[in-house]
Amino acid sequence: MAKLDKLGIHLDWPRVQQIAGDSVMGRPHIAQAMLEKGYIDSFKQAFTDYIGHDGPAYVEREKLTPAEAVALIIKARGVAVLAHPFTVNEPEALIIELKAAGLTGIETYYDGYSDEEIGRLVAITQKHDLIATGGSDYHGIDSSETAIGDIDLPLASVEKIIAKAKKINPELNF
């Protein structure tokens, strides 16, 4: 927020926290606060002009390697799933590496994927004995986002991920 302050964009930190609610705070919540205060005309403008990767107020976050993230998820008794696998040049090579680290699934059913891409990911999940999951990339701010639950996901995938979660953490109630 210090970089935004230097640019003359003064946001109320408690309001940003309120927008985030129980979710992990991120740039979408800052963008919403900017929009509310009238600093920008659209949600997208926050990213293109200020907080996007090339923006003057962008702040690099501390990052883990994908394998470190999988290990941390497992340590917390969670189910590790790779989201957006097509954002890397060689997704299958990364999937093989992460499977060895404990990866359970791959986000396969996603609004932005073509039928061909979904088919390719289904084949990879079958080849590597992983669960084909779904995702909406919903942050609860932009009305153009695909809402939670609006992805067609095979019931078998849901049943497999729930079974895996219960196996890892028997105290869960689904």
Protein backbone atom coordinates (compact mmCIF):
# COMPACT_ATOMS: atom_id res chain seq x y z
CA MET A 1 0.00 0.00 0.00
CA ALA A 2 3.03 2.27 0.44
CA LYS A 3 3.61 2.32 -3.32
CA LEU A 4 -0.02 3.29 -3.91
CA ASP A 5 0.29 6.04 -1.29
CA LYS A 6 3.28 7.48 -3.15
CA LEU A 7 1.14 7.55 -6.29
CA GLY A 8 -1.55 9.53 -4.46
CA ILE A 9 -3.86 6.55 -3.97
CA HIS A 10 -4.76 6.43 -0.29
CA LEU A 11 -6.71 3.37 0.79
CA ASP A 12 -8.14 2.50 4.16
CA TRP A 13 -6.43 -0.74 5.27
CA PRO A 14 -9.36 -1.86 7.48
CA ARG A 15 -11.64 -1.51 4.43
CA VAL A 16 -9.34 -3.71 2.33
CA GLN A 17 -9.39 -6.29 5.13
CA GLN A 18 -13.18 -6.05 5.27
CA ILE A 19 -13.44 -6.64 1.51
CA ALA A 20 -11.19 -9.72 1.84
CA GLY A 21 -13.23 -11.08 4.73
CA ASP A 22 -12.12 -14.61 5.58
CA SER A 23 -10.28 -15.12 2.30
CA VAL A 24 -6.57 -14.64 1.74
CA MET A 25 -5.93 -10.96 1.08
CA GLY A 26 -4.75 -10.19 -2.40
CA ARG A 27 -4.66 -7.69 -5.21
CA PRO A 28 -8.34 -8.19 -6.13
CA HIS A 29 -9.31 -6.80 -2.73
CA ILE A 30 -7.04 -3.79 -3.18
CA ALA A 31 -8.53 -3.27 -6.64
CA GLN A 32 -12.04 -3.29 -5.17
CA ALA A 33 -11.03 -0.68 -2.58
CA MET A 34 -9.51 1.47 -5.33
CA LEU A 35 -12.73 1.22 -7.32
CA GLU A 36 -14.86 2.13 -4.31
CA LYS A 37 -12.77 5.24 -3.65
CA GLY A 38 -13.04 6.33 -7.30
CA TYR A 39 -9.33 6.07 -8.12
CA ILE A 40 -10.11 3.83 -11.09
CA ASP A 41 -13.03 3.42 -13.48
CA SER A 42 -12.97 -0.36 -13.64
CA PHE A 43 -11.67 -3.32 -11.69
CA LYS A 44 -9.41 -4.25 -14.59
CA GLN A 45 -7.82 -0.79 -14.61
CA ALA A 46 -6.30 -1.44 -11.17
CA PHE A 47 -4.25 -4.22 -12.69
CA THR A 48 -3.42 -2.59 -16.03
CA ASP A 49 -2.41 0.76 -14.55
CA TYR A 50 -1.24 0.08 -10.99
CA ILE A 51 -1.02 -3.36 -9.37
CA GLY A 52 -0.44 -5.68 -12.33
CA HIS A 53 2.97 -7.32 -12.77
CA ASP A 54 4.37 -4.34 -14.68
CA GLY A 55 2.50 -1.70 -12.66
CA PRO A 56 4.18 0.98 -10.58
CA ALA A 57 2.55 -0.30 -7.37
CA TYR A 58 3.18 -4.00 -7.95
CA VAL A 59 4.86 -5.76 -5.04
CA GLU A 60 6.44 -9.15 -5.57
CA ARG A 61 5.29 -11.59 -2.93
CA GLU A 62 7.49 -14.15 -1.25
CA LYS A 63 7.22 -17.32 -3.28
CA LEU A 64 7.64 -21.02 -2.72
CA THR A 65 8.65 -23.47 -5.39
CA PRO A 66 5.74 -25.62 -6.54
CA ALA A 67 7.24 -28.63 -4.75
CA GLU A 68 7.62 -26.60 -1.53
CA ALA A 69 3.98 -25.55 -1.81
CA VAL A 70 2.85 -29.16 -2.21
CA ALA A 71 4.93 -30.16 0.83
CA LEU A 72 3.40 -27.34 2.88
CA ILE A 73 -0.14 -28.32 1.86
CA ILE A 74 0.54 -31.94 2.83
CA LYS A 75 2.07 -30.86 6.14
CA ALA A 76 -1.14 -28.95 6.86
CA ARG A 77 -3.14 -32.13 6.07
CA GLY A 78 -4.53 -30.69 2.87
CA VAL A 79 -5.03 -32.03 -0.63
CA ALA A 80 -2.56 -30.57 -3.12
CA VAL A 81 -4.00 -29.74 -6.55
CA LEU A 82 -2.18 -27.95 -9.36
CA ALA A 83 -4.19 -25.01 -10.68
CA HIS A 84 -3.69 -23.50 -14.14
CA PRO A 85 -1.34 -26.21 -15.44
CA PHE A 86 -1.12 -24.60 -18.88
CA THR A 87 0.67 -21.55 -17.47
CA VAL A 88 3.97 -23.45 -17.60
CA ASN A 89 5.82 -24.46 -20.77
CA GLU A 90 5.95 -28.18 -19.98
CA PRO A 91 2.99 -28.97 -17.73
CA GLU A 92 3.51 -32.72 -17.74
CA ALA A 93 7.12 -32.41 -16.55
CA LEU A 94 5.96 -30.23 -13.65
CA ILE A 95 3.12 -32.64 -12.89
CA ILE A 96 5.56 -35.56 -12.70
CA GLU A 97 7.81 -33.58 -10.32
CA LEU A 98 4.86 -32.56 -8.13
CA LYS A 99 3.37 -36.06 -8.11
CA ALA A 100 6.62 -37.24 -6.53
CA ALA A 101 6.18 -34.49 -3.91
CA GLY A 102 2.61 -35.62 -3.12
CA LEU A 103 0.37 -33.92 -5.70
CA THR A 104 -3.16 -35.35 -5.68
CA GLY A 105 -4.90 -33.61 -8.57
CA ILE A 106 -4.88 -31.22 -11.49
CA GLU A 107 -7.36 -28.45 -12.20
CA THR A 108 -8.77 -29.97 -15.37
CA TYR A 109 -12.29 -28.58 -15.72
CA TYR A 110 -11.89 -24.83 -16.04
CA ASP A 111 -13.99 -22.20 -17.80
CA GLY A 112 -11.05 -20.94 -19.85
CA TYR A 113 -10.08 -24.34 -21.30
CA SER A 114 -11.15 -25.72 -24.65
CA ASP A 115 -12.56 -29.24 -24.95
CA GLU A 116 -9.21 -30.28 -26.43
CA GLU A 117 -7.28 -28.88 -23.44
CA ILE A 118 -9.66 -30.58 -21.00
CA GLY A 119 -9.19 -33.85 -22.88
CA ARG A 120 -5.42 -33.48 -22.72
CA LEU A 121 -5.55 -32.89 -18.96
CA VAL A 122 -7.93 -35.81 -18.38
CA ALA A 123 -5.44 -38.05 -20.19
CA ILE A 124 -2.57 -36.73 -18.03
CA THR A 125 -4.54 -37.31 -14.81
CA GLN A 126 -5.31 -40.87 -15.87
CA LYS A 127 -1.71 -41.53 -16.94
CA HIS A 128 -0.33 -40.33 -13.59
CA ASP A 129 -3.13 -41.56 -11.31
CA LEU A 130 -4.24 -38.07 -10.29
CA ILE A 131 -7.69 -36.60 -9.71
CA ALA A 132 -9.15 -34.31 -12.36
CA THR A 133 -10.59 -31.39 -10.39
CA GLY A 134 -12.34 -28.20 -11.41
CA GLY A 135 -11.94 -24.54 -10.66
CA SER A 136 -13.68 -21.28 -11.29
CA ASP A 137 -10.92 -18.81 -10.30
CA TYR A 138 -13.63 -16.95 -8.43
CA HIS A 139 -12.53 -14.10 -6.16
CA GLY A 140 -16.00 -12.75 -5.35
CA ILE A 141 -15.41 -9.30 -6.71
CA ASP A 142 -15.82 -9.11 -10.47
CA SER A 143 -19.26 -10.06 -11.83
CA SER A 144 -17.66 -11.44 -14.99
CA GLU A 145 -15.95 -14.21 -12.98
CA THR A 146 -17.25 -17.76 -13.18
CA ALA A 147 -19.07 -18.36 -9.90
CA ILE A 148 -18.20 -21.17 -7.53
CA GLY A 149 -20.17 -24.24 -8.55
CA ASP A 150 -20.66 -23.13 -12.17
CA ILE A 151 -18.05 -25.52 -13.58
CA ASP A 152 -19.31 -28.83 -14.94
CA LEU A 153 -17.33 -31.34 -12.94
CA PRO A 154 -17.91 -35.09 -13.06
CA LEU A 155 -19.37 -36.42 -9.80
CA ALA A 156 -16.61 -39.05 -9.71
CA SER A 157 -14.01 -36.28 -9.40
CA VAL A 158 -15.88 -34.74 -6.47
CA GLU A 159 -16.20 -38.11 -4.75
CA LYS A 160 -12.48 -38.86 -5.23
CA ILE A 161 -11.30 -35.53 -3.84
CA ILE A 162 -13.62 -35.81 -0.83
CA ALA A 163 -12.42 -39.37 -0.16
CA LYS A 164 -8.80 -38.22 -0.35
CA ALA A 165 -9.48 -35.30 1.99
CA LYS A 166 -11.18 -37.60 4.53
CA LYS A 167 -8.29 -40.06 4.33
CA ILE A 168 -5.79 -37.28 5.06
CA ASN A 169 -7.93 -35.63 7.72
CA PRO A 170 -10.59 -37.99 9.17
CA GLU A 171 -12.00 -35.19 11.32
CA LEU A 172 -13.46 -33.46 8.26
CA ASN A 173 -17.22 -33.55 7.91
CA PHE A 174 -18.57 -33.40 4.35
